[in-house]
Amino acid sequence: ARRVADQLGIAHYVFDFERRFREAVIDDFARSYAAGETPIPCVRCNQRVKFGDLLSIARELGAQALVTGHYARRIVGTAGAELHIAADPARDQSYFLFATTQDELECLRFPLGHLMKDAVRDEAAALGLDVAAKPDSKDICFVHEGHYGALVARLRPDAARPGEIVDRAG
């Protein structure tokens, strides 16, 4: 990405959000999961890290827009920017963006939203980007092979203790 930015004459910056991601997304996931809820960490990441922290930094730097790799479309309608499903229904991520505010949407751009995944891979390969052959993400980025329980047990050991299973009848 840096090489492409250099070729296009676009300023690029690198920010370390590891701690913020851990606190706002991973720890929140473990707490929520341990409480018996069904967390959606991708929504939390968008709300708190990408469109909270990162968008704030982009605005401070005077950026005209924040461009992401989400498969969703932003269409300007009569009332302003609107969020629409991606052209590739198998890749659509608009659901994970449901909490995006109008103010945030005005600054966001989703250039992949009108493309099919194969076209994106072809373009990445043509640009010589390593991600062209990267395997598709199938699960939550920080949970390996769907083992949520192992992550929760490591982060919230108290949640791994056995307990009573009680139904509505007692």
N, C-alpha and C. Protein backbone atom coordinates (compact mmCIF):
# COMPACT_ATOMS: atom_id res chain seq x y z
N ALA A 1 0.83 -1.19 0.00
CA ALA A 1 0.00 0.00 0.00
C ALA A 1 0.88 1.25 0.00
N ARG A 2 1.98 1.19 0.73
CA ARG A 2 2.88 2.34 0.78
C ARG A 2 3.43 2.65 -0.61
N ARG A 3 3.79 1.62 -1.35
CA ARG A 3 4.34 1.81 -2.70
C ARG A 3 3.30 2.47 -3.60
N VAL A 4 2.05 2.02 -3.51
CA VAL A 4 0.99 2.61 -4.32
C VAL A 4 0.77 4.07 -3.91
N ALA A 5 0.74 4.34 -2.61
CA ALA A 5 0.58 5.71 -2.14
C ALA A 5 1.71 6.60 -2.65
N ASP A 6 2.93 6.08 -2.62
CA ASP A 6 4.07 6.84 -3.14
C ASP A 6 3.90 7.13 -4.63
N GLN A 7 3.47 6.12 -5.39
CA GLN A 7 3.29 6.29 -6.83
C GLN A 7 2.22 7.33 -7.14
N LEU A 8 1.20 7.38 -6.31
CA LEU A 8 0.11 8.32 -6.54
C LEU A 8 0.36 9.68 -5.89
N GLY A 9 1.46 9.80 -5.15
CA GLY A 9 1.78 11.05 -4.48
C GLY A 9 0.86 11.34 -3.31
N ILE A 10 0.37 10.28 -2.65
CA ILE A 10 -0.53 10.42 -1.52
C ILE A 10 0.27 10.29 -0.23
N ALA A 11 0.02 11.21 0.70
CA ALA A 11 0.69 11.12 2.00
C ALA A 11 0.17 9.89 2.73
N HIS A 12 1.05 9.20 3.42
CA HIS A 12 0.62 8.02 4.18
C HIS A 12 1.28 8.07 5.56
N TYR A 13 0.54 7.54 6.53
CA TYR A 13 0.99 7.52 7.91
C TYR A 13 0.75 6.13 8.46
N VAL A 14 1.52 5.77 9.47
CA VAL A 14 1.32 4.49 10.16
C VAL A 14 1.05 4.80 11.63
N PHE A 15 -0.06 4.26 12.14
CA PHE A 15 -0.44 4.46 13.53
C PHE A 15 -0.55 3.10 14.20
N ASP A 16 -0.13 3.03 15.44
CA ASP A 16 -0.20 1.78 16.20
C ASP A 16 -1.45 1.80 17.07
N PHE A 17 -2.45 1.02 16.69
CA PHE A 17 -3.70 0.93 17.42
C PHE A 17 -3.83 -0.40 18.15
N GLU A 18 -2.73 -1.10 18.34
CA GLU A 18 -2.82 -2.44 18.95
C GLU A 18 -3.45 -2.39 20.34
N ARG A 19 -2.98 -1.50 21.20
CA ARG A 19 -3.54 -1.45 22.55
C ARG A 19 -5.01 -1.02 22.53
N ARG A 20 -5.32 -0.03 21.73
CA ARG A 20 -6.70 0.45 21.63
C ARG A 20 -7.61 -0.65 21.09
N PHE A 21 -7.15 -1.41 20.09
CA PHE A 21 -7.93 -2.51 19.53
C PHE A 21 -8.17 -3.59 20.58
N ARG A 22 -7.12 -3.90 21.34
CA ARG A 22 -7.25 -4.90 22.39
C ARG A 22 -8.29 -4.48 23.42
N GLU A 23 -8.22 -3.23 23.86
CA GLU A 23 -9.14 -2.75 24.88
C GLU A 23 -10.57 -2.59 24.36
N ALA A 24 -10.71 -1.96 23.21
CA ALA A 24 -12.04 -1.60 22.69
C ALA A 24 -12.75 -2.73 21.97
N VAL A 25 -11.99 -3.72 21.51
CA VAL A 25 -12.61 -4.79 20.72
C VAL A 25 -12.42 -6.16 21.36
N ILE A 26 -11.18 -6.57 21.58
CA ILE A 26 -10.92 -7.92 22.09
C ILE A 26 -11.41 -8.08 23.52
N ASP A 27 -11.03 -7.15 24.41
CA ASP A 27 -11.48 -7.25 25.80
C ASP A 27 -13.00 -7.12 25.90
N ASP A 28 -13.58 -6.23 25.09
CA ASP A 28 -15.03 -6.08 25.06
C ASP A 28 -15.70 -7.38 24.59
N PHE A 29 -15.12 -8.03 23.60
CA PHE A 29 -15.64 -9.31 23.10
C PHE A 29 -15.65 -10.35 24.21
N ALA A 30 -14.51 -10.48 24.92
CA ALA A 30 -14.41 -11.49 25.98
C ALA A 30 -15.39 -11.20 27.11
N ARG A 31 -15.52 -9.95 27.51
CA ARG A 31 -16.46 -9.57 28.56
C ARG A 31 -17.89 -9.89 28.13
N SER A 32 -18.24 -9.50 26.94
CA SER A 32 -19.60 -9.70 26.42
C SER A 32 -19.91 -11.19 26.26
N TYR A 33 -18.97 -11.94 25.72
CA TYR A 33 -19.15 -13.39 25.52
C TYR A 33 -19.31 -14.09 26.87
N ALA A 34 -18.48 -13.70 27.84
CA ALA A 34 -18.55 -14.31 29.17
C ALA A 34 -19.87 -13.99 29.86
N ALA A 35 -20.48 -12.88 29.50
CA ALA A 35 -21.76 -12.47 30.09
C ALA A 35 -22.95 -13.15 29.40
N GLY A 36 -22.66 -14.02 28.43
CA GLY A 36 -23.72 -14.74 27.75
C GLY A 36 -24.33 -13.99 26.57
N GLU A 37 -23.71 -12.92 26.16
CA GLU A 37 -24.18 -12.15 25.01
C GLU A 37 -23.57 -12.71 23.73
N THR A 38 -24.03 -12.21 22.61
CA THR A 38 -23.47 -12.61 21.32
C THR A 38 -22.82 -11.37 20.71
N PRO A 39 -21.56 -11.14 21.02
CA PRO A 39 -20.90 -9.93 20.53
C PRO A 39 -20.59 -10.00 19.04
N ILE A 40 -20.53 -8.83 18.43
CA ILE A 40 -20.13 -8.71 17.03
C ILE A 40 -18.93 -7.77 17.00
N PRO A 41 -17.73 -8.30 17.17
CA PRO A 41 -16.55 -7.45 17.31
C PRO A 41 -16.25 -6.59 16.09
N CYS A 42 -16.65 -7.01 14.91
CA CYS A 42 -16.39 -6.20 13.72
C CYS A 42 -17.15 -4.87 13.81
N VAL A 43 -18.34 -4.90 14.37
CA VAL A 43 -19.11 -3.66 14.56
C VAL A 43 -18.39 -2.78 15.56
N ARG A 44 -17.94 -3.36 16.67
CA ARG A 44 -17.21 -2.59 17.69
C ARG A 44 -15.94 -1.96 17.11
N CYS A 45 -15.23 -2.70 16.30
CA CYS A 45 -14.00 -2.19 15.68
C CYS A 45 -14.32 -0.98 14.81
N ASN A 46 -15.36 -1.11 13.99
CA ASN A 46 -15.74 0.01 13.14
C ASN A 46 -16.15 1.21 13.98
N GLN A 47 -16.99 0.99 14.98
CA GLN A 47 -17.49 2.09 15.81
C GLN A 47 -16.38 2.78 16.58
N ARG A 48 -15.55 2.01 17.24
CA ARG A 48 -14.61 2.58 18.19
C ARG A 48 -13.23 2.89 17.61
N VAL A 49 -12.70 1.96 16.84
CA VAL A 49 -11.32 2.14 16.35
C VAL A 49 -11.28 2.82 15.00
N LYS A 50 -11.95 2.24 14.00
CA LYS A 50 -11.86 2.81 12.65
C LYS A 50 -12.57 4.14 12.53
N PHE A 51 -13.85 4.17 12.89
CA PHE A 51 -14.62 5.39 12.67
C PHE A 51 -14.67 6.29 13.89
N GLY A 52 -14.08 5.84 14.97
CA GLY A 52 -13.91 6.67 16.15
C GLY A 52 -12.53 7.28 16.13
N ASP A 53 -11.55 6.48 16.53
CA ASP A 53 -10.17 6.95 16.66
C ASP A 53 -9.52 7.33 15.32
N LEU A 54 -9.55 6.41 14.38
CA LEU A 54 -8.86 6.65 13.11
C LEU A 54 -9.46 7.81 12.33
N LEU A 55 -10.78 7.88 12.31
CA LEU A 55 -11.43 8.99 11.60
C LEU A 55 -11.10 10.33 12.27
N SER A 56 -11.03 10.34 13.58
CA SER A 56 -10.65 11.58 14.30
C SER A 56 -9.25 12.02 13.91
N ILE A 57 -8.34 11.08 13.83
CA ILE A 57 -6.96 11.41 13.43
C ILE A 57 -6.93 11.91 11.99
N ALA A 58 -7.68 11.25 11.12
CA ALA A 58 -7.73 11.69 9.72
C ALA A 58 -8.22 13.13 9.63
N ARG A 59 -9.24 13.46 10.41
CA ARG A 59 -9.76 14.83 10.40
C ARG A 59 -8.73 15.81 10.94
N GLU A 60 -8.02 15.41 12.02
CA GLU A 60 -6.98 16.28 12.59
C GLU A 60 -5.88 16.56 11.58
N LEU A 61 -5.60 15.57 10.74
CA LEU A 61 -4.56 15.72 9.72
C LEU A 61 -5.07 16.49 8.50
N GLY A 62 -6.35 16.82 8.50
CA GLY A 62 -6.91 17.57 7.38
C GLY A 62 -7.28 16.71 6.19
N ALA A 63 -7.43 15.41 6.41
CA ALA A 63 -7.78 14.50 5.30
C ALA A 63 -9.18 14.84 4.78
N GLN A 64 -9.35 14.73 3.50
CA GLN A 64 -10.65 14.97 2.89
C GLN A 64 -11.58 13.78 3.07
N ALA A 65 -10.98 12.59 3.23
CA ALA A 65 -11.78 11.38 3.36
C ALA A 65 -10.95 10.30 4.04
N LEU A 66 -11.66 9.31 4.60
CA LEU A 66 -11.03 8.11 5.12
C LEU A 66 -11.50 6.97 4.22
N VAL A 67 -10.56 6.32 3.57
CA VAL A 67 -10.86 5.25 2.63
C VAL A 67 -10.61 3.91 3.30
N THR A 68 -11.60 3.02 3.23
CA THR A 68 -11.45 1.70 3.84
C THR A 68 -11.65 0.61 2.81
N GLY A 69 -11.30 -0.60 3.18
CA GLY A 69 -11.46 -1.76 2.31
C GLY A 69 -12.77 -2.50 2.51
N HIS A 70 -13.74 -1.86 3.14
CA HIS A 70 -15.03 -2.51 3.34
C HIS A 70 -15.74 -2.73 2.01
N TYR A 71 -16.40 -3.88 1.91
CA TYR A 71 -17.26 -4.14 0.76
C TYR A 71 -18.64 -3.59 1.08
N ALA A 72 -18.82 -2.33 0.79
CA ALA A 72 -20.09 -1.62 0.96
C ALA A 72 -20.02 -0.45 -0.01
N ARG A 73 -21.16 0.13 -0.29
CA ARG A 73 -21.16 1.28 -1.20
C ARG A 73 -21.71 2.51 -0.48
N ARG A 74 -21.11 3.63 -0.78
CA ARG A 74 -21.56 4.93 -0.29
C ARG A 74 -22.07 5.68 -1.51
N ILE A 75 -23.34 6.02 -1.46
CA ILE A 75 -23.97 6.72 -2.57
C ILE A 75 -24.52 8.04 -2.03
N VAL A 76 -24.26 9.12 -2.74
CA VAL A 76 -24.78 10.41 -2.30
C VAL A 76 -26.20 10.57 -2.84
N GLY A 77 -27.13 10.71 -1.91
CA GLY A 77 -28.53 10.91 -2.26
C GLY A 77 -28.96 12.33 -1.97
N THR A 78 -30.24 12.58 -2.05
CA THR A 78 -30.75 13.94 -1.84
C THR A 78 -30.54 14.43 -0.40
N ALA A 79 -30.48 13.51 0.56
CA ALA A 79 -30.28 13.89 1.96
C ALA A 79 -28.83 13.72 2.42
N GLY A 80 -27.93 13.43 1.51
CA GLY A 80 -26.52 13.23 1.87
C GLY A 80 -26.06 11.82 1.55
N ALA A 81 -24.95 11.44 2.16
CA ALA A 81 -24.36 10.13 1.90
C ALA A 81 -25.24 9.02 2.47
N GLU A 82 -25.39 7.95 1.69
CA GLU A 82 -26.19 6.80 2.09
C GLU A 82 -25.32 5.55 2.04
N LEU A 83 -25.57 4.60 2.93
CA LEU A 83 -24.88 3.33 2.96
C LEU A 83 -25.70 2.30 2.20
N HIS A 84 -25.07 1.62 1.24
CA HIS A 84 -25.75 0.61 0.42
C HIS A 84 -24.94 -0.69 0.44
N ILE A 85 -25.61 -1.78 0.12
CA ILE A 85 -24.92 -3.07 0.05
C ILE A 85 -23.91 -3.06 -1.09
N ALA A 86 -22.92 -3.91 -0.98
CA ALA A 86 -21.88 -4.02 -1.99
C ALA A 86 -22.41 -4.69 -3.25
N ALA A 87 -21.73 -4.45 -4.35
CA ALA A 87 -22.09 -5.09 -5.62
C ALA A 87 -21.91 -6.60 -5.54
N ASP A 88 -20.94 -7.05 -4.74
CA ASP A 88 -20.68 -8.47 -4.57
C ASP A 88 -21.41 -8.93 -3.30
N PRO A 89 -22.59 -9.55 -3.46
CA PRO A 89 -23.38 -9.91 -2.27
C PRO A 89 -22.68 -10.92 -1.36
N ALA A 90 -21.77 -11.70 -1.91
CA ALA A 90 -21.04 -12.68 -1.09
C ALA A 90 -20.00 -11.99 -0.19
N ARG A 91 -19.65 -10.76 -0.50
CA ARG A 91 -18.64 -10.02 0.26
C ARG A 91 -19.21 -8.83 1.02
N ASP A 92 -20.48 -8.56 0.86
CA ASP A 92 -21.10 -7.37 1.45
C ASP A 92 -20.82 -7.27 2.95
N GLN A 93 -20.38 -6.09 3.39
CA GLN A 93 -20.09 -5.83 4.80
C GLN A 93 -20.93 -4.68 5.34
N SER A 94 -21.95 -4.28 4.61
CA SER A 94 -22.76 -3.15 5.07
C SER A 94 -23.41 -3.43 6.42
N TYR A 95 -23.72 -4.68 6.71
CA TYR A 95 -24.30 -5.03 8.00
C TYR A 95 -23.39 -4.59 9.14
N PHE A 96 -22.08 -4.75 8.99
CA PHE A 96 -21.13 -4.40 10.05
C PHE A 96 -20.96 -2.89 10.18
N LEU A 97 -21.57 -2.15 9.28
CA LEU A 97 -21.47 -0.69 9.29
C LEU A 97 -22.78 -0.04 9.71
N PHE A 98 -23.73 -0.85 10.23
CA PHE A 98 -25.06 -0.32 10.54
C PHE A 98 -25.02 0.84 11.52
N ALA A 99 -24.03 0.91 12.39
CA ALA A 99 -23.96 1.95 13.41
C ALA A 99 -23.22 3.20 12.93
N THR A 100 -22.81 3.23 11.68
CA THR A 100 -22.09 4.37 11.14
C THR A 100 -23.02 5.59 11.10
N THR A 101 -22.54 6.70 11.63
CA THR A 101 -23.37 7.91 11.67
C THR A 101 -23.31 8.65 10.34
N GLN A 102 -24.26 9.54 10.16
CA GLN A 102 -24.29 10.36 8.95
C GLN A 102 -23.01 11.19 8.83
N ASP A 103 -22.56 11.76 9.95
CA ASP A 103 -21.34 12.56 9.95
C ASP A 103 -20.14 11.72 9.52
N GLU A 104 -20.04 10.50 10.03
CA GLU A 104 -18.94 9.61 9.64
C GLU A 104 -19.05 9.23 8.17
N LEU A 105 -20.25 8.90 7.74
CA LEU A 105 -20.47 8.46 6.36
C LEU A 105 -20.10 9.55 5.36
N GLU A 106 -20.29 10.80 5.74
CA GLU A 106 -19.91 11.90 4.84
C GLU A 106 -18.41 11.87 4.53
N CYS A 107 -17.59 11.38 5.48
CA CYS A 107 -16.14 11.38 5.31
C CYS A 107 -15.58 10.05 4.79
N LEU A 108 -16.40 9.02 4.76
CA LEU A 108 -15.91 7.69 4.40
C LEU A 108 -16.03 7.42 2.91
N ARG A 109 -15.12 6.58 2.42
CA ARG A 109 -15.16 6.13 1.03
C ARG A 109 -14.90 4.63 1.03
N PHE A 110 -15.63 3.89 0.20
CA PHE A 110 -15.52 2.44 0.10
C PHE A 110 -15.27 2.05 -1.36
N PRO A 111 -14.05 2.20 -1.85
CA PRO A 111 -13.79 1.97 -3.28
C PRO A 111 -13.97 0.52 -3.74
N LEU A 112 -14.01 -0.43 -2.82
CA LEU A 112 -14.18 -1.82 -3.22
C LEU A 112 -15.65 -2.20 -3.37
N GLY A 113 -16.53 -1.38 -2.88
CA GLY A 113 -17.95 -1.72 -2.82
C GLY A 113 -18.62 -1.96 -4.15
N HIS A 114 -18.10 -1.38 -5.21
CA HIS A 114 -18.72 -1.58 -6.52
C HIS A 114 -18.03 -2.69 -7.33
N LEU A 115 -17.06 -3.37 -6.71
CA LEU A 115 -16.29 -4.40 -7.41
C LEU A 115 -16.59 -5.80 -6.89
N MET A 116 -16.34 -6.78 -7.72
CA MET A 116 -16.39 -8.17 -7.30
C MET A 116 -15.02 -8.53 -6.73
N LYS A 117 -14.97 -9.47 -5.81
CA LYS A 117 -13.73 -9.84 -5.13
C LYS A 117 -12.63 -10.26 -6.13
N ASP A 118 -13.01 -11.01 -7.15
CA ASP A 118 -12.00 -11.44 -8.14
C ASP A 118 -11.35 -10.24 -8.84
N ALA A 119 -12.12 -9.21 -9.11
CA ALA A 119 -11.57 -8.01 -9.75
C ALA A 119 -10.59 -7.30 -8.80
N VAL A 120 -10.90 -7.31 -7.53
CA VAL A 120 -10.01 -6.69 -6.54
C VAL A 120 -8.70 -7.47 -6.47
N ARG A 121 -8.79 -8.79 -6.45
CA ARG A 121 -7.57 -9.62 -6.42
C ARG A 121 -6.73 -9.41 -7.69
N ASP A 122 -7.40 -9.33 -8.83
CA ASP A 122 -6.68 -9.10 -10.09
C ASP A 122 -5.94 -7.77 -10.07
N GLU A 123 -6.60 -6.73 -9.57
CA GLU A 123 -5.98 -5.40 -9.49
C GLU A 123 -4.80 -5.42 -8.52
N ALA A 124 -4.97 -6.09 -7.38
CA ALA A 124 -3.88 -6.20 -6.40
C ALA A 124 -2.69 -6.93 -7.01
N ALA A 125 -2.95 -7.99 -7.76
CA ALA A 125 -1.87 -8.73 -8.42
C ALA A 125 -1.18 -7.85 -9.46
N ALA A 126 -1.95 -7.09 -10.23
CA ALA A 126 -1.37 -6.21 -11.24
C ALA A 126 -0.47 -5.14 -10.61
N LEU A 127 -0.82 -4.73 -9.38
CA LEU A 127 -0.01 -3.74 -8.67
C LEU A 127 1.15 -4.37 -7.92
N GLY A 128 1.23 -5.71 -7.93
CA GLY A 128 2.31 -6.41 -7.25
C GLY A 128 2.14 -6.47 -5.73
N LEU A 129 0.91 -6.36 -5.25
CA LEU A 129 0.67 -6.38 -3.81
C LEU A 129 0.59 -7.82 -3.30
N ASP A 130 1.25 -8.08 -2.18
CA ASP A 130 1.27 -9.42 -1.61
C ASP A 130 -0.11 -9.92 -1.22
N VAL A 131 -1.01 -9.03 -0.88
CA VAL A 131 -2.34 -9.44 -0.42
C VAL A 131 -3.20 -10.03 -1.53
N ALA A 132 -2.74 -9.98 -2.76
CA ALA A 132 -3.52 -10.51 -3.89
C ALA A 132 -3.85 -11.98 -3.69
N ALA A 133 -2.94 -12.73 -3.08
CA ALA A 133 -3.15 -14.17 -2.89
C ALA A 133 -3.49 -14.52 -1.44
N LYS A 134 -3.77 -13.51 -0.64
CA LYS A 134 -4.08 -13.74 0.78
C LYS A 134 -5.39 -14.52 0.89
N PRO A 135 -5.42 -15.55 1.75
CA PRO A 135 -6.67 -16.31 1.92
C PRO A 135 -7.78 -15.41 2.45
N ASP A 136 -9.00 -15.74 2.07
CA ASP A 136 -10.16 -14.98 2.55
C ASP A 136 -10.30 -15.12 4.05
N SER A 137 -10.72 -14.06 4.68
CA SER A 137 -11.02 -14.08 6.11
C SER A 137 -12.37 -14.75 6.29
N LYS A 138 -12.42 -15.73 7.16
CA LYS A 138 -13.65 -16.48 7.37
C LYS A 138 -14.24 -16.29 8.75
N ASP A 139 -13.52 -15.64 9.62
CA ASP A 139 -13.96 -15.54 11.01
C ASP A 139 -13.48 -14.23 11.59
N ILE A 140 -13.66 -14.06 12.86
CA ILE A 140 -13.20 -12.87 13.56
C ILE A 140 -11.67 -12.85 13.48
N CYS A 141 -11.11 -11.72 13.15
CA CYS A 141 -9.67 -11.64 12.86
C CYS A 141 -8.78 -12.06 14.02
N PHE A 142 -9.22 -11.92 15.25
CA PHE A 142 -8.37 -12.25 16.41
C PHE A 142 -8.73 -13.58 17.06
N VAL A 143 -9.67 -14.30 16.50
CA VAL A 143 -10.05 -15.63 17.02
C VAL A 143 -9.60 -16.65 15.98
N HIS A 144 -8.69 -17.50 16.37
CA HIS A 144 -8.14 -18.47 15.43
C HIS A 144 -8.98 -19.74 15.38
N GLU A 145 -9.37 -20.11 14.18
CA GLU A 145 -10.09 -21.36 13.90
C GLU A 145 -11.37 -21.49 14.72
N GLY A 146 -12.04 -20.38 15.01
CA GLY A 146 -13.33 -20.42 15.68
C GLY A 146 -13.30 -20.82 17.14
N HIS A 147 -12.15 -20.80 17.79
CA HIS A 147 -12.03 -21.21 19.19
C HIS A 147 -12.28 -20.03 20.13
N TYR A 148 -13.53 -19.56 20.17
CA TYR A 148 -13.88 -18.43 21.02
C TYR A 148 -13.65 -18.76 22.49
N GLY A 149 -14.03 -19.97 22.88
CA GLY A 149 -13.93 -20.37 24.28
C GLY A 149 -12.52 -20.27 24.81
N ALA A 150 -11.55 -20.67 24.02
CA ALA A 150 -10.15 -20.61 24.46
C ALA A 150 -9.71 -19.17 24.70
N LEU A 151 -10.11 -18.26 23.82
CA LEU A 151 -9.77 -16.86 23.99
C LEU A 151 -10.44 -16.29 25.24
N VAL A 152 -11.71 -16.57 25.41
CA VAL A 152 -12.45 -16.05 26.57
C VAL A 152 -11.85 -16.62 27.85
N ALA A 153 -11.51 -17.91 27.87
CA ALA A 153 -10.92 -18.53 29.06
C ALA A 153 -9.58 -17.90 29.40
N ARG A 154 -8.81 -17.53 28.40
CA ARG A 154 -7.51 -16.90 28.64
C ARG A 154 -7.68 -15.47 29.17
N LEU A 155 -8.62 -14.72 28.61
CA LEU A 155 -8.80 -13.33 29.01
C LEU A 155 -9.71 -13.16 30.22
N ARG A 156 -10.64 -14.08 30.40
CA ARG A 156 -11.60 -14.02 31.51
C ARG A 156 -11.67 -15.38 32.19
N PRO A 157 -10.61 -15.78 32.91
CA PRO A 157 -10.56 -17.12 33.51
C PRO A 157 -11.76 -17.43 34.40
N ASP A 158 -12.33 -16.41 35.03
CA ASP A 158 -13.49 -16.62 35.88
C ASP A 158 -14.69 -17.16 35.09
N ALA A 159 -14.74 -16.87 33.80
CA ALA A 159 -15.86 -17.32 32.96
C ALA A 159 -15.75 -18.79 32.60
N ALA A 160 -14.58 -19.40 32.80
CA ALA A 160 -14.37 -20.79 32.42
C ALA A 160 -14.76 -21.77 33.53
N ARG A 161 -15.10 -21.24 34.71
CA ARG A 161 -15.49 -22.13 35.81
C ARG A 161 -16.84 -22.78 35.51
N PRO A 162 -16.98 -24.05 35.84
CA PRO A 162 -18.27 -24.70 35.61
C PRO A 162 -19.34 -24.10 36.53
N GLY A 163 -20.56 -24.14 36.07
CA GLY A 163 -21.66 -23.62 36.87
C GLY A 163 -22.91 -24.41 36.60
N GLU A 164 -23.95 -24.08 37.32
CA GLU A 164 -25.22 -24.76 37.14
C GLU A 164 -25.87 -24.34 35.83
N ILE A 165 -26.55 -25.29 35.22
CA ILE A 165 -27.36 -24.99 34.06
C ILE A 165 -28.81 -25.04 34.54
N VAL A 166 -29.48 -23.92 34.47
CA VAL A 166 -30.83 -23.81 35.00
C VAL A 166 -31.77 -23.36 33.88
N ASP A 167 -32.87 -24.08 33.71
CA ASP A 167 -33.84 -23.65 32.72
C ASP A 167 -34.93 -22.83 33.40
N ARG A 168 -35.94 -22.42 32.65
CA ARG A 168 -36.98 -21.54 33.17
C ARG A 168 -37.80 -22.20 34.30
N ALA A 169 -37.83 -23.50 34.30
CA ALA A 169 -38.58 -24.22 35.34
C ALA A 169 -37.75 -24.43 36.60
N GLY A 170 -36.51 -23.97 36.58
CA GLY A 170 -35.66 -24.09 37.77
C GLY A 170 -34.69 -25.22 37.68
